[in-house]
Protein backbone atom coordinates (compact mmCIF):
# COMPACT_ATOMS: atom_id res chain seq x y z
CA MET A 1 -3.90 15.45 31.47
CA LYS A 2 -3.76 19.10 30.38
CA ARG A 3 -2.27 20.08 33.75
CA VAL A 4 0.33 17.30 33.47
CA VAL A 5 1.35 18.52 30.04
CA GLU A 6 1.46 22.16 31.17
CA ASN A 7 3.65 21.21 34.13
CA LEU A 8 5.79 19.12 31.81
CA GLY A 9 6.36 22.07 29.51
CA LYS A 10 7.11 24.38 32.44
CA ASN A 11 9.52 21.89 33.98
CA LEU A 12 11.40 21.37 30.73
CA TRP A 13 11.81 25.04 29.99
CA MET A 14 12.68 25.83 33.65
CA MET A 15 15.37 23.17 33.52
CA MET A 16 16.82 24.64 30.34
CA LEU A 17 16.61 28.17 31.79
CA LEU A 18 18.46 27.10 34.95
CA LEU A 19 21.13 25.45 32.85
CA GLY A 20 21.49 28.66 30.88
CA LEU A 21 21.77 30.74 34.08
CA ALA A 22 24.30 28.34 35.48
CA PHE A 23 26.40 28.76 32.35
CA VAL A 24 26.17 32.56 32.62
CA ASN A 25 27.27 32.45 36.27
CA VAL A 26 30.27 30.31 35.43
CA SER A 27 31.21 32.69 32.62
CA CYS A 28 30.94 35.69 34.92
CA GLU A 29 33.09 34.00 37.55
CA ASP A 30 35.69 33.31 34.90
CA ASP A 31 35.65 36.95 33.83
CA ASP A 32 36.28 38.09 37.44
CA ASP A 33 39.07 35.58 37.98
CA ASP A 34 42.26 37.49 39.05
CA SER A 35 44.34 34.90 37.21
CA GLY A 36 43.23 36.47 33.92
CA ASN A 37 42.18 33.09 32.55
CA ASP A 38 39.44 33.85 29.98
CA GLN A 39 38.79 30.19 29.06
CA GLN A 40 35.08 29.29 29.30
CA MET A 41 33.78 25.94 30.47
CA PRO A 42 32.30 23.82 27.60
CA GLU A 43 28.52 23.76 27.20
CA GLU A 44 26.83 20.70 28.67
CA SER A 45 25.33 18.34 26.11
CA MET A 46 21.52 18.22 26.03
CA THR A 47 20.57 15.33 23.77
CA ILE A 48 17.08 13.89 23.46
CA THR A 49 17.95 11.27 26.08
CA ASP A 50 19.38 13.93 28.40
CA ILE A 51 16.22 16.03 28.21
CA ALA A 52 13.98 13.03 28.82
CA ALA A 53 16.13 11.86 31.73
CA GLY A 54 16.01 15.34 33.25
CA ASN A 55 12.23 15.40 33.50
CA SER A 56 10.42 13.10 35.89
CA ASP A 57 7.34 12.91 33.65
CA PHE A 58 9.38 10.96 31.11
CA SER A 59 10.74 8.44 33.62
CA ILE A 60 8.85 5.48 32.15
CA LEU A 61 9.94 6.44 28.63
CA VAL A 62 13.56 6.59 29.81
CA ALA A 63 13.19 3.23 31.58
CA ALA A 64 11.76 1.70 28.40
CA LEU A 65 14.62 3.09 26.30
CA LYS A 66 17.17 1.71 28.74
CA LYS A 67 15.45 -1.69 28.86
CA VAL A 68 15.95 -2.24 25.14
CA GLY A 69 19.20 -0.29 24.77
CA LEU A 70 17.86 2.65 22.78
CA ASP A 71 18.88 5.33 25.29
CA ASP A 72 22.39 5.54 23.86
CA ASP A 73 21.05 5.77 20.30
CA LEU A 74 18.92 8.81 21.15
CA ALA A 75 21.90 10.33 22.97
CA SER A 76 24.03 10.17 19.82
CA GLU A 77 24.94 13.50 18.29
CA ASP A 78 25.95 11.88 15.01
CA SER A 79 22.32 11.79 13.85
CA GLU A 80 19.22 13.91 14.26
CA PHE A 81 15.83 12.60 15.34
CA THR A 82 12.28 13.77 15.87
CA VAL A 83 10.74 12.03 18.86
CA PHE A 84 7.06 12.02 19.77
CA ALA A 85 7.50 11.42 23.49
CA PRO A 86 4.72 9.80 25.56
CA THR A 87 4.36 10.98 29.15
CA ASN A 88 4.21 8.70 32.18
CA ALA A 89 0.43 8.96 32.12
CA ALA A 90 0.48 7.80 28.50
CA PHE A 91 2.58 4.76 29.42
CA ALA A 92 0.39 3.98 32.42
CA ALA A 93 -2.63 3.96 30.10
CA LEU A 94 -0.80 1.65 27.68
CA LEU A 95 0.06 -0.85 30.41
CA GLU A 96 -3.58 -0.89 31.42
CA GLU A 97 -4.66 -1.30 27.79
CA LEU A 98 -2.28 -4.24 27.34
CA GLU A 99 -3.32 -5.66 30.71
CA VAL A 100 0.27 -5.93 31.94
CA SER A 101 1.75 -4.75 35.21
CA GLY A 102 4.91 -3.13 33.89
CA LEU A 103 7.53 -2.85 31.15
CA ASP A 104 9.05 -6.18 32.14
CA ASP A 105 5.92 -7.91 30.89
CA ILE A 106 6.49 -6.57 27.36
CA PRO A 107 8.99 -8.55 25.22
CA ASN A 108 12.02 -6.50 24.18
CA ASP A 109 11.38 -6.92 20.46
CA VAL A 110 7.82 -5.65 20.84
CA LEU A 111 8.90 -2.75 23.04
CA THR A 112 11.67 -1.83 20.59
CA SER A 113 9.20 -1.73 17.71
CA VAL A 114 6.80 0.44 19.73
CA LEU A 115 9.49 2.89 20.86
CA LEU A 116 11.01 3.27 17.38
CA TYR A 117 7.48 3.89 16.08
CA HIS A 118 7.72 7.23 17.90
CA VAL A 119 10.94 8.27 16.15
CA MET A 120 11.49 9.91 12.76
CA SER A 121 14.81 10.67 11.12
CA GLY A 122 15.77 14.32 10.94
CA SER A 123 14.92 17.34 13.02
CA ASN A 124 11.31 18.27 12.23
CA LYS A 125 9.77 21.23 14.01
CA ALA A 126 5.98 21.45 14.22
CA ALA A 127 5.85 24.02 11.40
CA MET A 128 7.50 21.48 9.09
CA ILE A 129 4.94 18.75 9.74
CA GLU A 130 1.89 18.68 7.47
CA THR A 131 -1.11 16.38 7.39
CA GLY A 132 -0.02 13.10 5.84
CA TYR A 133 1.99 9.93 6.32
CA TYR A 134 5.49 9.80 7.78
CA SER A 135 8.01 6.98 7.98
CA THR A 136 9.36 5.95 11.38
CA LEU A 137 12.44 4.03 12.44
CA SER A 138 10.31 1.02 13.41
CA ALA A 139 11.06 -1.78 10.95
CA GLY A 140 8.40 -2.72 8.41
CA PRO A 141 7.93 -6.07 6.62
CA MET A 142 10.79 -5.32 4.19
CA ASP A 143 14.27 -4.01 5.01
CA GLY A 144 14.58 -0.30 4.35
CA TYR A 145 10.89 0.47 4.84
CA GLY A 146 9.91 1.85 8.24
CA LEU A 147 6.37 1.64 9.59
CA SER A 148 4.21 4.67 8.81
CA PHE A 149 1.98 6.82 10.96
CA TYR A 150 -0.65 9.36 9.92
CA VAL A 151 -0.51 12.91 11.25
CA ASP A 152 -3.65 15.05 11.08
CA MET A 153 -2.52 18.60 11.80
CA SER A 154 -6.09 19.91 11.72
CA THR A 155 -6.65 18.02 14.99
CA THR A 156 -2.96 17.66 15.96
CA THR A 157 -3.41 13.92 16.33
CA ILE A 158 -1.43 10.90 15.15
CA ASN A 159 -3.21 7.78 13.92
CA SER A 160 -6.46 9.21 15.32
CA ARG A 161 -5.10 8.05 18.68
CA SER A 162 -2.42 10.31 20.15
CA LYS A 163 -2.80 14.03 20.75
CA ILE A 164 0.25 16.26 20.33
CA THR A 165 0.25 18.35 23.50
CA ALA A 166 3.57 20.21 23.31
CA THR A 167 5.96 20.86 20.45
CA ASP A 168 9.45 21.98 19.48
CA ILE A 169 11.48 21.06 22.55
CA GLN A 170 14.94 21.57 21.10
CA ALA A 171 17.73 19.08 21.80
CA ASP A 172 21.28 19.05 20.49
CA ASN A 173 20.42 16.11 18.25
CA GLY A 174 16.82 16.81 17.30
CA ILE A 175 13.34 17.78 18.40
CA ILE A 176 10.89 16.44 20.97
CA HIS A 177 7.11 16.72 20.63
CA VAL A 178 5.01 15.50 23.57
CA ILE A 179 2.02 13.18 23.05
CA ASP A 180 -0.64 12.00 25.46
CA LYS A 181 -0.91 8.38 24.36
CA VAL A 182 1.58 5.71 23.30
CA MET A 183 1.24 4.82 19.62
CA LEU A 184 1.14 1.18 18.54
CA PRO A 185 2.34 -0.09 15.14
CA MET A 186 -0.68 -0.60 12.89
CA SER A 187 -1.88 -3.22 10.44
CA ILE A 188 -3.42 -2.42 7.05
CA THR A 189 -6.90 -2.47 8.58
CA ASP A 190 -5.79 -0.18 11.42
CA HIS A 191 -4.35 2.32 8.93
CA ALA A 192 -7.57 2.45 6.94
CA ILE A 193 -9.53 3.07 10.12
CA ALA A 194 -7.15 5.82 11.27
CA ASN A 195 -7.48 7.89 8.07
CA PRO A 196 -10.94 9.44 7.53
CA ALA A 197 -10.26 9.54 3.77
CA PHE A 198 -10.69 5.74 3.75
CA SER A 199 -13.96 5.57 5.71
CA SER A 200 -15.90 4.17 2.72
CA LEU A 201 -13.29 1.45 2.28
CA VAL A 202 -13.53 0.61 5.97
CA ALA A 203 -17.32 0.38 5.69
CA GLY A 204 -16.95 -1.98 2.73
CA VAL A 205 -14.33 -4.12 4.45
CA THR A 206 -16.54 -4.34 7.53
CA LYS A 207 -19.63 -5.35 5.56
CA ALA A 208 -17.65 -7.94 3.61
CA GLU A 209 -16.21 -9.25 6.89
CA LEU A 210 -12.65 -8.86 5.62
CA ALA A 211 -11.22 -6.80 8.49
CA GLY A 212 -9.74 -9.87 10.13
CA ALA A 213 -8.11 -11.04 6.91
CA LEU A 214 -6.41 -7.69 6.28
CA ASP A 215 -5.42 -7.53 9.95
CA ASP A 216 -3.49 -10.81 9.78
CA ASP A 217 0.18 -10.37 10.71
CA GLU A 218 0.93 -13.90 9.50
CA ALA A 219 0.50 -12.72 5.89
CA THR A 220 1.81 -9.81 3.83
CA PHE A 221 -0.31 -7.72 1.46
CA THR A 222 -0.17 -4.80 -0.92
CA VAL A 223 -3.49 -2.94 -0.94
CA PHE A 224 -4.46 -0.40 -3.57
CA ALA A 225 -6.90 1.55 -1.42
CA PRO A 226 -9.65 3.62 -3.08
CA THR A 227 -10.35 6.96 -1.43
CA ASN A 228 -13.83 8.08 -0.38
CA ASP A 229 -14.09 10.09 -3.61
CA ALA A 230 -13.28 6.94 -5.57
CA PHE A 231 -16.08 5.05 -3.84
CA ASP A 232 -18.52 7.94 -4.35
CA MET A 233 -17.78 7.79 -8.09
CA PHE A 234 -18.09 3.99 -8.08
CA PHE A 235 -21.51 4.02 -6.41
CA ALA A 236 -22.73 6.85 -8.68
CA ASP A 237 -21.63 5.00 -11.84
CA LEU A 238 -23.46 1.85 -10.74
CA GLY A 239 -26.45 3.75 -9.37
CA VAL A 240 -26.21 1.88 -6.08
CA THR A 241 -25.21 2.38 -2.47
CA LEU A 242 -23.05 0.19 -0.26
CA ASP A 243 -26.19 -1.40 1.19
CA ASP A 244 -27.26 -2.52 -2.30
CA LEU A 245 -24.19 -4.70 -2.82
CA THR A 246 -24.16 -8.30 -1.64
CA MET A 247 -21.40 -9.51 0.63
CA GLU A 248 -20.14 -11.79 -2.17
CA THR A 249 -19.90 -8.94 -4.70
CA LEU A 250 -18.33 -6.58 -2.22
CA SER A 251 -15.80 -9.16 -1.09
CA SER A 252 -14.77 -9.87 -4.70
CA VAL A 253 -14.32 -6.17 -5.43
CA ILE A 254 -12.34 -5.38 -2.28
CA LEU A 255 -10.07 -8.42 -2.61
CA TYR A 256 -9.39 -7.36 -6.20
CA HIS A 257 -7.52 -4.38 -4.73
CA ALA A 258 -5.08 -6.60 -2.79
CA ILE A 259 -1.97 -8.53 -3.82
CA GLY A 260 -0.49 -11.20 -1.58
CA ASP A 261 3.00 -9.69 -1.36
CA PHE A 262 4.84 -6.58 -0.14
CA VAL A 263 5.28 -4.33 -3.19
CA PRO A 264 6.51 -0.81 -2.34
CA ALA A 265 6.38 1.90 -4.99
CA SER A 266 10.02 1.35 -5.95
CA LYS A 267 9.27 -2.31 -6.77
CA VAL A 268 6.10 -1.78 -8.82
CA GLU A 269 6.51 -3.09 -12.38
CA ALA A 270 4.30 -3.14 -15.46
CA GLY A 271 2.42 -6.33 -16.22
CA TYR A 272 -0.35 -8.60 -14.98
CA PHE A 273 -0.40 -9.64 -11.33
CA PRO A 274 -2.65 -12.00 -9.33
CA THR A 275 -4.96 -10.39 -6.78
CA LEU A 276 -6.71 -11.99 -3.82
CA SER A 277 -10.02 -12.01 -5.72
CA SER A 278 -10.62 -15.37 -7.36
CA ALA A 279 -12.59 -17.13 -10.07
CA PHE A 280 -12.58 -20.83 -10.92
CA ASP A 281 -10.02 -21.44 -8.16
CA ARG A 282 -7.54 -18.99 -9.67
CA ASN A 283 -6.53 -15.46 -8.69
CA ILE A 284 -7.99 -12.75 -10.92
CA SER A 285 -5.35 -10.61 -12.63
CA VAL A 286 -4.89 -6.86 -12.43
CA LYS A 287 -2.96 -4.95 -15.09
CA ILE A 288 -0.38 -2.42 -13.91
CA ASP A 289 1.09 0.25 -16.18
CA THR A 290 3.98 2.47 -15.08
CA GLU A 291 4.32 4.98 -17.91
CA GLY A 292 3.47 8.51 -16.80
CA GLY A 293 2.48 7.29 -13.33
CA VAL A 294 1.12 4.03 -11.99
CA PHE A 295 -2.26 2.94 -13.37
CA LEU A 296 -4.42 -0.10 -12.68
CA ASN A 297 -6.47 -1.47 -15.60
CA MET A 298 -5.60 1.71 -17.52
CA ASP A 299 -7.74 4.27 -15.69
CA SER A 300 -7.28 4.00 -11.91
CA GLU A 301 -4.25 6.04 -10.85
CA VAL A 302 -2.09 5.60 -7.78
CA VAL A 303 -2.17 8.97 -6.00
CA ALA A 304 -0.22 8.18 -2.80
CA THR A 305 2.29 5.45 -2.04
CA ASP A 306 4.12 3.50 0.63
CA VAL A 307 1.95 3.60 3.71
CA VAL A 308 3.84 0.83 5.47
CA ALA A 309 1.89 -1.36 7.90
CA THR A 310 2.93 -4.27 10.07
CA ASN A 311 1.54 -6.69 7.48
CA GLY A 312 2.06 -4.89 4.19
CA VAL A 313 1.85 -1.63 2.33
CA ILE A 314 -0.96 0.63 1.12
CA HIS A 315 -1.06 2.71 -2.06
CA ALA A 316 -4.05 5.03 -2.47
CA ILE A 317 -5.92 5.07 -5.81
CA ASN A 318 -8.49 7.46 -7.27
CA LYS A 319 -10.88 4.93 -8.80
CA VAL A 320 -12.37 1.62 -7.68
CA ILE A 321 -11.37 -1.26 -9.94
CA MET A 322 -13.71 -4.14 -10.76
CA PRO A 323 -12.74 -7.76 -11.45
CA PRO A 324 -12.69 -7.88 -15.28
CA GLY A 325 -14.22 -10.36 -17.68
CA VAL A 326 -12.30 -11.53 -20.74
CA VAL A 327 -13.72 -8.64 -22.81
CA ASP A 328 -12.67 -6.14 -20.13
CA ILE A 329 -9.15 -7.58 -20.13
CA ALA A 330 -8.94 -6.83 -23.85
CA ILE A 331 -10.44 -3.35 -23.44
CA ASP A 332 -7.98 -2.48 -20.68
CA ASN A 333 -4.95 -3.26 -22.85
CA SER A 334 -4.14 -1.00 -25.79
CA ASN A 335 -2.31 -3.89 -27.48
CA PHE A 336 -5.71 -5.52 -28.01
CA SER A 337 -7.50 -2.50 -29.53
CA ILE A 338 -7.97 -4.18 -32.93
CA LEU A 339 -9.31 -7.34 -31.26
CA VAL A 340 -11.80 -5.20 -29.32
CA GLU A 341 -12.84 -3.44 -32.53
CA ALA A 342 -13.39 -6.82 -34.18
CA VAL A 343 -15.43 -8.22 -31.26
CA ILE A 344 -17.66 -5.15 -31.27
CA LYS A 345 -18.21 -5.29 -35.04
CA ALA A 346 -19.01 -9.00 -34.86
CA GLU A 347 -21.49 -8.29 -32.04
CA LEU A 348 -19.86 -10.84 -29.76
CA VAL A 349 -19.44 -8.64 -26.67
CA ASP A 350 -22.47 -10.07 -24.90
CA ALA A 351 -21.59 -13.66 -25.81
CA LEU A 352 -18.09 -13.22 -24.34
CA SER A 353 -19.38 -11.38 -21.26
CA GLY A 354 -21.49 -14.18 -19.80
CA ASP A 355 -20.69 -16.23 -16.74
CA GLY A 356 -18.35 -18.51 -18.67
CA PRO A 357 -15.97 -20.05 -18.14
CA LEU A 358 -14.15 -19.28 -21.39
CA THR A 359 -10.57 -19.50 -22.56
CA VAL A 360 -9.57 -16.86 -25.10
CA PHE A 361 -6.43 -16.94 -27.23
CA ALA A 362 -6.07 -13.19 -27.84
CA PRO A 363 -4.12 -11.93 -30.88
CA THR A 364 -2.19 -8.69 -30.44
CA ASN A 365 -2.51 -5.69 -32.75
CA ALA A 366 0.71 -6.78 -34.46
CA ALA A 367 -0.86 -10.17 -35.16
CA PHE A 368 -3.88 -8.51 -36.79
CA GLU A 369 -1.66 -6.19 -38.84
CA GLU A 370 0.14 -9.25 -40.17
CA LEU A 371 -3.21 -10.80 -41.13
CA PHE A 372 -4.37 -7.62 -42.86
CA ALA A 373 -1.20 -7.58 -44.95
CA ALA A 374 -1.63 -11.26 -45.85
CA ILE A 375 -5.27 -10.86 -47.02
CA ASN A 376 -4.67 -7.40 -48.55
CA VAL A 377 -7.07 -5.31 -46.42
CA THR A 378 -6.43 -2.10 -44.53
CA GLY A 379 -8.21 -3.05 -41.30
CA ILE A 380 -11.36 -4.24 -39.58
CA ALA A 381 -13.42 -1.78 -41.59
CA ASP A 382 -12.78 -3.89 -44.70
CA LEU A 383 -14.19 -7.03 -43.05
CA THR A 384 -17.84 -7.85 -42.48
CA LYS A 385 -19.48 -9.32 -39.42
CA GLU A 386 -19.79 -12.57 -41.35
CA ASP A 387 -16.03 -12.48 -42.07
CA LEU A 388 -15.08 -11.81 -38.48
CA THR A 389 -17.39 -14.10 -36.51
CA PRO A 390 -15.88 -17.49 -37.52
CA ILE A 391 -12.36 -16.09 -37.05
CA LEU A 392 -13.05 -14.77 -33.57
CA LEU A 393 -14.95 -17.86 -32.40
CA ALA A 394 -11.94 -19.96 -33.43
CA HIS A 395 -10.01 -18.17 -30.66
CA VAL A 396 -12.40 -19.22 -27.89
CA VAL A 397 -12.50 -22.51 -25.99
CA GLU A 398 -15.03 -23.56 -23.38
CA GLY A 399 -13.69 -23.87 -19.83
CA ASN A 400 -11.13 -21.99 -17.78
CA VAL A 401 -8.02 -23.66 -19.21
CA ALA A 402 -4.77 -22.42 -17.68
CA SER A 403 -1.49 -22.95 -19.49
CA THR A 404 -0.58 -25.66 -17.00
CA ASP A 405 -3.78 -27.51 -17.92
CA LEU A 406 -2.88 -27.72 -21.62
CA SER A 407 -1.44 -30.85 -23.18
CA ASN A 408 -0.59 -32.06 -26.65
CA GLY A 409 -3.65 -32.69 -28.75
CA ASP A 410 -6.64 -31.08 -30.45
CA VAL A 411 -8.99 -28.72 -28.63
CA ASN A 412 -12.45 -27.76 -29.86
CA THR A 413 -13.36 -24.08 -30.18
CA LEU A 414 -16.66 -22.21 -30.30
CA ASN A 415 -16.27 -22.37 -34.10
CA VAL A 416 -17.51 -25.93 -34.51
CA GLN A 417 -15.60 -26.28 -37.77
CA LYS A 418 -12.24 -25.38 -36.23
CA SER A 419 -10.17 -27.17 -33.60
CA LEU A 420 -6.77 -26.11 -32.34
CA ALA A 421 -3.70 -28.34 -32.47
CA ILE A 422 -1.96 -27.67 -29.15
CA ASN A 423 1.69 -28.52 -28.52
CA VAL A 424 3.39 -27.94 -25.16
CA ASP A 425 6.78 -29.55 -25.83
CA SER A 426 8.53 -26.16 -25.87
CA GLY A 427 6.27 -23.47 -24.55
CA VAL A 428 2.74 -23.48 -25.94
CA SER A 429 2.12 -23.39 -29.68
CA ILE A 430 -1.08 -23.63 -31.75
CA ASP A 431 -1.40 -25.14 -35.22
CA GLY A 432 2.37 -25.37 -35.51
CA ASN A 433 3.20 -21.70 -36.10
CA ILE A 434 1.27 -19.65 -33.51
CA THR A 435 2.97 -19.01 -30.19
CA VAL A 436 1.46 -18.16 -26.82
CA VAL A 437 3.59 -15.19 -25.76
CA ALA A 438 1.84 -14.46 -22.44
CA ALA A 439 -0.38 -16.79 -20.48
CA ASP A 440 -2.87 -17.04 -17.65
CA ILE A 441 -4.44 -13.59 -17.47
CA GLN A 442 -7.35 -14.55 -15.27
CA GLY A 443 -10.72 -12.81 -15.49
CA LYS A 444 -13.95 -13.30 -13.58
CA ASN A 445 -15.52 -15.31 -16.44
CA GLY A 446 -12.48 -16.90 -18.00
CA ILE A 447 -8.81 -16.79 -18.82
CA VAL A 448 -6.81 -15.08 -21.59
CA HIS A 449 -3.63 -16.26 -23.32
CA VAL A 450 -1.87 -13.84 -25.69
CA ILE A 451 -0.83 -15.13 -29.11
CA ASP A 452 1.37 -13.66 -31.85
CA LYS A 453 -0.75 -14.62 -34.89
CA VAL A 454 -4.43 -14.63 -35.74
CA ILE A 455 -6.01 -18.09 -35.97
CA VAL A 456 -7.64 -18.38 -39.40
CA PRO A 457 -10.16 -21.23 -39.83
């Protein structure tokens, strides 16, 4: 392979040198012309397609481009491209890998996707390429988002598959770099495997037997992928190793990092969103904040975005997130800080952190401030545990009751002396004057609905 690449480089540069000499000879002949005509012949165009067509070691690449009609596109001088060009040997190895006899056995749409996966917009010399992800012209799951590949310049490899063997072959409309293996568009699982920074995630996915699920091209996912450092911190905080976690626990945690939709960075919004992790036949919610960056459940930050795969998109995060219980949901939202303070003072954290299921109607800080004004106190500090306990228990119902499960009527709470009068005729209201302003925040041990007033027994 090395000899093929060396010969390829020599052939390309010899071809360009001969073209240059030919141009010089023509110019000299013009200068010696007795007619006195000083007009020079125009330079011959050398586009990416021209260079590939002029070298026999790119003959299969040129045939593939012609088969799907991309040869004219790469001959256009209206745009600039960077092409990672596989040699004939690279294509021969691909055909063997795919167990096909030739290009005719590959559908045009598949071949087009593969070929465009080797093309970037712009003219990028080797010195401009750093280790990281780059977008190609191969179409991703959403319009405007090309499939990504990962370049590791420390090893000069792409997707841990293709070696860059020659660089910076200049064309009139871009740059050619030569690679020794054809690259194939990758799924989310493939991307995780190709980047050594996700090796802990790959180990977890493998143990949880989720590789096939995240490799499914019939579905679309957004994965918030923890780095190795994030997993190291996670294991250290729990005092465990990967081997200590059961498949069930690991599966729940990993699926909590995935959303069943394609959500690129430009489409990320603040709010609660369902993940693939589930409890009581419902998808557990993750909280996304977008102020000052993108954060999950307040403290896990998105540190890299938009790694586009054939079946979704990956955003890297710096901390593993765990499926939350109803108490965690309150802790992870600053709008519930007074509620959290009250639960702690009433010593109800453990009671609300059991297996459940529980349904919590959670008052916001504004709701508590309204209560404080009504009863003429400055805050939780002015209330005793005995004051707070019956109030808080009146906000909790047994069972995992989603908003769609509610109906008109009375519902018992954990405060045996207080039931809630539920009305669903226009939204959801409680006791006539309390409104559910956000519903169905699912946790691992129950569900939370946000209300705008405190329920007072």
